[in-house]
């Protein structure tokens, strides 16, 4: 079968299509024919070597497809089931082996592309607004990269819960996307010299109770400075690089601030929690509280281009690899 392999860490060029042996399930495992695989910054971190992975390595931590084989002792799924998964490596391939207990059954009205586009980021958004900082009606939230795949989902959810989003984007076109998703205010990060001061201007002279920051190094200082006393910085990603070590006294000097660096795996630690969060996400999709925007579809062979587009901020919304698809480009247009 075809799969994307990396023999070393580095830039997008280390992602290469290869012919590999068909996977076989072990005890408690299932083999899934992959219909769609989500492209996420987590995959970029694996490729760059920020997180240690065994080489050679097939990236991809989110996908959806059909169970084609099960191993001994599997009771959670059966051959023919439509399923999705997150936090399972090896999804950039025509088939993937997945611990059956980590598979999420897909409702009939949730398609493969929707599942692959929403599960990882949707469940991340779920724990961010429900657990990392429980958003309450009337809360004003600062959200960086509000027009990205994660940002658009978070903007919708915060608004759905009665919160008010001040988003940051890099261009006016992206700002308009954030506004359509529900952002009350959008700041062009390239157009302001003092982001915390602009946040306070837009919030009646006050800092915000929470900042959701998936950007990391480039925004960390501004995020801390934009908080009110006893505010919380939820640092859930590092798209611009890891935050350097800092003196914890900065939190005290900022007004008894709280910093949390959460990870999805800790919030779907058992199967019941995994299914509960997935069910809530599917319900939000069904009710239109979450609208999933798939804006880039790529054949498996173009995984490197997908990574390049994601890192260069040439895209908005969600990017997918489609192992069985002909070549398509951003926004789904046919490519010659």
Protein backbone atom coordinates (compact mmCIF):
# COMPACT_ATOMS: atom_id res chain seq x y z
CA UNK A 1 0.00 0.00 0.00
CA UNK A 2 1.01 3.66 -0.26
CA UNK A 3 2.05 5.67 2.79
CA UNK A 4 3.98 8.82 3.59
CA UNK A 5 7.28 8.03 5.29
CA UNK A 6 9.96 10.20 6.84
CA UNK A 7 13.43 8.75 7.42
CA UNK A 8 14.71 11.92 9.10
CA UNK A 9 13.32 15.04 10.71
CA UNK A 10 13.33 18.33 8.87
CA UNK A 11 11.30 20.43 6.47
CA UNK A 12 8.36 19.35 4.31
CA UNK A 13 10.76 17.75 1.83
CA UNK A 14 11.40 14.83 4.22
CA UNK A 15 7.81 13.62 3.60
CA UNK A 16 7.95 11.06 0.79
CA UNK A 17 5.41 8.64 -0.64
CA UNK A 18 6.51 5.01 -0.37
CA UNK A 19 5.20 1.50 -0.94
CA UNK A 20 5.01 -0.33 2.40
CA UNK A 21 3.65 -3.67 3.59
CA UNK A 22 -0.05 -4.00 4.30
CA UNK A 23 -0.64 -3.56 8.04
CA UNK A 24 -1.97 -6.43 10.11
CA UNK A 25 -3.87 -5.98 13.36
CA UNK A 26 -2.55 -7.28 16.65
CA UNK A 27 -4.64 -8.05 19.73
CA UNK A 28 -7.10 -5.24 20.42
CA UNK A 29 -6.32 -3.50 17.11
CA UNK A 30 -8.22 -2.76 13.91
CA UNK A 31 -7.06 -1.98 10.39
CA UNK A 32 -8.91 0.94 8.82
CA UNK A 33 -9.02 1.91 5.17
CA UNK A 34 -8.35 5.65 5.36
CA UNK A 35 -10.83 7.86 3.50
CA UNK A 36 -9.49 11.17 4.82
CA UNK A 37 -6.69 12.25 7.13
CA UNK A 38 -6.52 15.62 8.88
CA UNK A 39 -3.42 17.78 8.51
CA UNK A 40 -2.50 19.44 11.81
CA UNK A 41 0.35 21.39 13.37
CA UNK A 42 0.93 18.34 15.56
CA UNK A 43 2.06 16.55 12.39
CA UNK A 44 4.44 19.42 11.68
CA UNK A 45 5.90 19.14 15.19
CA UNK A 46 6.49 15.41 14.61
CA UNK A 47 8.13 16.13 11.24
CA UNK A 48 10.38 18.83 12.67
CA UNK A 49 11.50 16.67 15.57
CA UNK A 50 9.98 18.81 18.34
CA UNK A 51 8.46 15.60 19.67
CA UNK A 52 10.53 12.44 19.47
CA UNK A 53 9.18 9.84 17.05
CA UNK A 54 10.70 6.52 15.95
CA UNK A 55 12.22 6.65 12.47
CA UNK A 56 11.18 5.75 9.86
CA UNK A 57 7.83 7.30 10.74
CA UNK A 58 4.44 7.75 9.06
CA UNK A 59 2.87 10.97 10.34
CA UNK A 60 -0.79 11.84 10.63
CA UNK A 61 -2.68 11.69 13.93
CA UNK A 62 -6.30 12.11 12.82
CA UNK A 63 -8.45 10.35 10.26
CA UNK A 64 -11.65 8.62 9.27
CA UNK A 65 -12.44 5.53 7.26
CA UNK A 66 -13.85 2.00 7.26
CA UNK A 67 -12.74 -0.93 9.40
CA UNK A 68 -11.49 -3.72 7.10
CA UNK A 69 -9.90 -6.14 9.60
CA UNK A 70 -9.87 -6.66 13.35
CA UNK A 71 -7.47 -8.48 15.63
CA UNK A 72 -8.13 -10.84 18.52
CA UNK A 73 -10.14 -9.49 21.44
CA UNK A 74 -11.73 -6.54 19.64
CA UNK A 75 -15.25 -5.82 20.87
CA UNK A 76 -15.67 -2.06 20.30
CA UNK A 77 -15.89 -2.17 16.46
CA UNK A 78 -16.60 -4.63 13.64
CA UNK A 79 -15.54 -4.98 10.01
CA UNK A 80 -17.51 -2.50 7.92
CA UNK A 81 -17.92 0.10 10.66
CA UNK A 82 -17.37 3.74 9.77
CA UNK A 83 -15.00 5.26 12.32
CA UNK A 84 -12.81 8.23 13.15
CA UNK A 85 -9.77 8.63 15.41
CA UNK A 86 -7.36 11.15 16.89
CA UNK A 87 -3.93 11.04 18.52
CA UNK A 88 -3.01 7.86 16.62
CA UNK A 89 0.13 8.06 14.43
CA UNK A 90 0.27 6.60 10.94
CA UNK A 91 -2.79 8.21 9.36
CA UNK A 92 -0.97 9.51 6.24
CA UNK A 93 -1.52 6.18 4.51
CA UNK A 94 -4.06 4.14 2.57
CA UNK A 95 -4.57 1.94 5.65
CA UNK A 96 -3.80 2.47 9.33
CA UNK A 97 -3.63 0.24 12.39
CA UNK A 98 -5.53 1.72 15.33
CA UNK A 99 -6.14 0.58 18.90
CA UNK A 100 -9.83 -0.33 18.60
CA UNK A 101 -10.63 1.28 21.94
CA UNK A 102 -9.60 4.65 20.45
CA UNK A 103 -11.94 4.44 17.47
CA UNK A 104 -15.02 6.67 17.43
CA UNK A 105 -18.10 5.27 15.63
CA UNK A 106 -19.42 7.79 13.09
CA UNK A 107 -23.12 8.63 13.01
CA UNK A 108 -24.78 8.13 9.63
CA UNK A 109 -25.06 11.88 9.08
CA UNK A 110 -21.34 12.57 9.67
CA UNK A 111 -19.24 12.01 6.55
CA UNK A 112 -15.61 10.94 6.44
CA UNK A 113 -14.31 14.37 5.47
CA UNK A 114 -16.30 16.07 8.22
CA UNK A 115 -15.06 13.58 10.80
CA UNK A 116 -11.43 13.90 9.73
CA UNK A 117 -11.77 17.69 9.72
CA UNK A 118 -13.46 18.15 13.07
CA UNK A 119 -12.52 15.41 15.54
CA UNK A 120 -9.07 16.51 16.70
CA UNK A 121 -9.67 20.25 16.56
CA UNK A 122 -13.29 19.92 17.66
CA UNK A 123 -12.44 17.91 20.75
CA UNK A 124 -9.52 20.24 21.44
CA UNK A 125 -11.90 23.20 21.27
CA UNK A 126 -14.30 21.27 23.53
CA UNK A 127 -11.83 20.79 26.37
CA UNK A 128 -10.45 24.32 25.94
CA UNK A 129 -13.82 26.04 26.46
CA UNK A 130 -15.24 23.48 28.90
CA UNK A 131 -12.23 22.53 31.04
CA UNK A 132 -9.05 24.57 30.46
CA UNK A 133 -11.12 27.74 30.88
CA UNK A 134 -14.89 27.23 31.24
CA UNK A 135 -16.26 30.05 29.09
CA UNK A 136 -19.20 31.84 30.67
CA UNK A 137 -21.77 34.12 29.13
CA UNK A 138 -20.33 37.63 28.93
CA UNK A 139 -16.66 36.57 28.95
CA UNK A 140 -14.41 38.41 26.52
CA UNK A 141 -11.77 36.12 25.02
CA UNK A 142 -8.60 37.00 23.13
CA UNK A 143 -7.96 34.37 20.46
CA UNK A 144 -4.84 34.33 18.29
CA UNK A 145 -4.93 33.05 14.69
CA UNK A 146 -8.71 33.34 14.68
CA UNK A 147 -9.03 32.42 10.99
CA UNK A 148 -7.11 29.16 11.15
CA UNK A 149 -8.84 25.79 11.37
CA UNK A 150 -8.62 25.78 15.17
CA UNK A 151 -9.37 29.47 15.45
CA UNK A 152 -12.58 29.30 13.44
CA UNK A 153 -13.91 26.44 15.57
CA UNK A 154 -13.01 28.19 18.83
CA UNK A 155 -14.58 31.44 17.65
CA UNK A 156 -17.83 29.64 16.92
CA UNK A 157 -17.86 27.79 20.24
CA UNK A 158 -17.01 30.80 22.42
CA UNK A 159 -19.78 32.74 20.67
CA UNK A 160 -22.19 29.81 21.05
CA UNK A 161 -21.50 29.79 24.80
CA UNK A 162 -22.26 33.51 25.09
CA UNK A 163 -18.70 34.80 25.04
CA UNK A 164 -17.24 37.64 22.99
CA UNK A 165 -14.18 37.02 20.80
CA UNK A 166 -11.43 39.49 20.06
CA UNK A 167 -9.44 37.70 17.39
CA UNK A 168 -6.07 38.32 15.79
CA UNK A 169 -5.30 37.59 12.14
CA UNK A 170 -2.53 38.48 9.71
CA UNK A 171 -4.65 39.85 6.82
CA UNK A 172 -7.93 41.63 6.26
CA UNK A 173 -9.21 38.67 4.21
CA UNK A 174 -8.63 36.39 7.20
CA UNK A 175 -10.21 38.99 9.48
CA UNK A 176 -13.39 38.78 7.45
CA UNK A 177 -13.45 34.99 7.88
CA UNK A 178 -13.11 35.42 11.64
CA UNK A 179 -15.97 37.93 11.68
CA UNK A 180 -18.18 35.54 9.74
CA UNK A 181 -17.45 32.88 12.37
CA UNK A 182 -18.65 35.24 15.08
CA UNK A 183 -15.66 37.34 16.19
CA UNK A 184 -16.88 40.64 17.63
CA UNK A 185 -13.56 42.40 17.00
CA UNK A 186 -10.53 41.47 14.90
CA UNK A 187 -7.05 42.95 15.23
CA UNK A 188 -4.61 42.77 12.32
CA UNK A 189 -1.47 41.77 14.19
CA UNK A 190 0.75 43.39 11.55
CA UNK A 191 -1.03 46.75 11.87
CA UNK A 192 -0.69 47.44 15.60
CA UNK A 193 2.43 48.28 17.58
CA UNK A 194 0.95 47.49 21.00
CA UNK A 195 -1.42 44.53 20.90
CA UNK A 196 -2.26 44.49 24.65
CA UNK A 197 -3.15 48.20 24.53
CA UNK A 198 -5.42 47.58 21.53
CA UNK A 199 -7.11 44.69 23.34
CA UNK A 200 -7.81 46.96 26.31
CA UNK A 201 -9.15 49.69 24.03
CA UNK A 202 -11.60 47.20 22.54
CA UNK A 203 -12.57 45.90 25.98
CA UNK A 204 -13.49 49.07 27.82
CA UNK A 205 -10.00 49.68 29.14
CA UNK A 206 -9.78 46.26 30.80
CA UNK A 207 -7.63 43.22 30.19
CA UNK A 208 -9.38 39.98 29.25
CA UNK A 209 -10.03 37.06 31.60
CA UNK A 210 -8.55 34.52 29.20
CA UNK A 211 -6.31 34.26 26.15
CA UNK A 212 -6.40 31.16 23.95
CA UNK A 213 -2.97 31.02 22.31
CA UNK A 214 -1.99 28.32 19.83
CA UNK A 215 0.79 30.39 18.25
CA UNK A 216 3.37 30.28 21.03
CA UNK A 217 6.70 32.11 20.87
CA UNK A 218 5.58 35.08 18.77
CA UNK A 219 2.50 35.89 20.85
CA UNK A 220 3.35 34.73 24.39
CA UNK A 221 4.48 38.08 25.81
CA UNK A 222 1.52 39.96 24.33
CA UNK A 223 -0.85 37.27 25.60
CA UNK A 224 0.35 37.68 29.19
CA UNK A 225 0.20 41.47 28.94
CA UNK A 226 -3.39 41.40 27.61
CA UNK A 227 -4.76 39.60 30.68
CA UNK A 228 -6.55 41.26 33.56
CA UNK A 229 -5.58 40.46 37.15
CA UNK A 230 -6.14 36.75 37.91
CA UNK A 231 -6.54 36.08 34.19
CA UNK A 232 -5.60 32.81 32.53
CA UNK A 233 -3.37 32.13 29.53
CA UNK A 234 -4.31 28.86 27.84
CA UNK A 235 -1.26 28.00 25.73
CA UNK A 236 -2.44 25.08 23.61
CA UNK A 237 0.02 25.16 20.72
CA UNK A 238 3.31 26.48 19.36
CA UNK A 239 2.79 27.19 15.67
CA UNK A 240 5.51 29.88 15.74
CA UNK A 241 7.87 27.88 17.94
CA UNK A 242 8.21 26.87 21.56
CA UNK A 243 8.03 29.49 24.30
CA UNK A 244 11.47 29.97 25.91
CA UNK A 245 11.87 29.39 29.65
CA UNK A 246 10.68 32.35 31.72
CA UNK A 247 10.62 33.52 35.34
CA UNK A 248 7.35 32.43 37.02
CA UNK A 249 7.40 35.73 38.94
CA UNK A 250 6.10 37.30 35.73
CA UNK A 251 2.77 35.68 36.57
CA UNK A 252 2.73 37.33 39.99
CA UNK A 253 3.78 40.71 38.63
CA UNK A 254 1.05 40.51 35.99
CA UNK A 255 -1.63 40.20 38.66
CA UNK A 256 -1.60 36.61 39.95
CA UNK A 257 -1.99 35.18 36.47
CA UNK A 258 -2.45 31.50 35.64
CA UNK A 259 -0.71 29.66 32.80
CA UNK A 260 -1.93 26.26 31.62
CA UNK A 261 -0.29 24.19 28.85
CA UNK A 262 -2.91 21.49 28.17
CA UNK A 263 -2.82 18.56 25.74
CA UNK A 264 -5.79 16.76 24.21
CA UNK A 265 -4.60 13.30 25.26
CA UNK A 266 -5.11 14.13 28.91
CA UNK A 267 -8.73 15.11 28.23
CA UNK A 268 -9.67 11.94 26.33
CA UNK A 269 -7.79 9.64 28.67
CA UNK A 270 -10.43 6.89 28.73
CA UNK A 271 -12.93 5.65 26.18
CA UNK A 272 -15.98 7.09 27.93
CA UNK A 273 -14.47 10.59 27.91
CA UNK A 274 -13.36 10.20 24.28
CA UNK A 275 -16.88 9.22 23.18
CA UNK A 276 -18.54 11.90 25.29
CA UNK A 277 -16.47 14.67 23.75
CA UNK A 278 -16.89 13.26 20.23
CA UNK A 279 -20.67 13.03 20.71
CA UNK A 280 -20.80 16.66 21.83
CA UNK A 281 -18.73 17.75 18.82
CA UNK A 282 -20.98 15.84 16.41
CA UNK A 283 -24.05 17.38 18.08
CA UNK A 284 -22.55 20.86 17.60
CA UNK A 285 -21.92 20.07 13.93
CA UNK A 286 -25.45 18.76 13.55
CA UNK A 287 -26.98 21.87 15.14
CA UNK A 288 -24.71 24.20 13.12
CA UNK A 289 -23.12 25.56 16.29
CA UNK A 290 -19.94 24.35 14.56
CA UNK A 291 -19.58 24.71 10.81
CA UNK A 292 -16.58 22.82 9.45
CA UNK A 293 -14.66 24.58 6.68
CA UNK A 294 -12.50 22.19 4.64
CA UNK A 295 -10.49 24.57 2.48
CA UNK A 296 -7.70 22.34 1.23
CA UNK A 297 -7.85 18.81 -0.15
CA UNK A 298 -4.65 17.07 -1.26
CA UNK A 299 -3.82 13.62 -2.63
CA UNK A 300 -1.57 11.53 -0.39
CA UNK A 301 1.42 12.18 -2.64
CA UNK A 302 1.24 15.92 -1.90
CA UNK A 303 1.57 15.75 1.88
CA UNK A 304 4.68 17.93 1.68
CA UNK A 305 2.74 20.65 -0.16
CA UNK A 306 0.00 20.50 2.45
CA UNK A 307 2.57 21.05 5.19
CA UNK A 308 4.17 23.92 3.27
CA UNK A 309 0.81 25.61 2.77
CA UNK A 310 -0.11 25.18 6.43
CA UNK A 311 3.17 26.55 7.77
CA UNK A 312 3.23 29.50 5.36
CA UNK A 313 -0.27 30.57 6.46
CA UNK A 314 -1.46 30.30 2.84
CA UNK A 315 -4.63 28.57 4.03
CA UNK A 316 -7.61 29.03 6.31
CA UNK A 317 -9.88 26.37 7.72
CA UNK A 318 -9.00 22.68 7.64
CA UNK A 319 -6.65 20.77 5.33
CA UNK A 320 -7.17 17.10 4.46
CA UNK A 321 -5.19 14.37 2.74
CA UNK A 322 -7.40 12.08 0.64
CA UNK A 323 -5.52 8.82 -0.06
CA UNK A 324 -7.94 7.67 -2.75
CA UNK A 325 -8.44 11.02 -4.46
CA UNK A 326 -7.14 12.48 -7.69
CA UNK A 327 -5.07 15.62 -7.33
CA UNK A 328 -7.01 18.54 -5.89
CA UNK A 329 -5.84 21.83 -4.50
CA UNK A 330 -6.85 24.45 -2.01
CA UNK A 331 -10.58 25.09 -1.92
CA UNK A 332 -10.99 21.75 -3.73
CA UNK A 333 -10.28 23.06 -7.24
CA UNK A 334 -9.00 20.43 -9.74
CA UNK A 335 -5.30 20.62 -10.41
CA UNK A 336 -3.67 19.89 -13.77
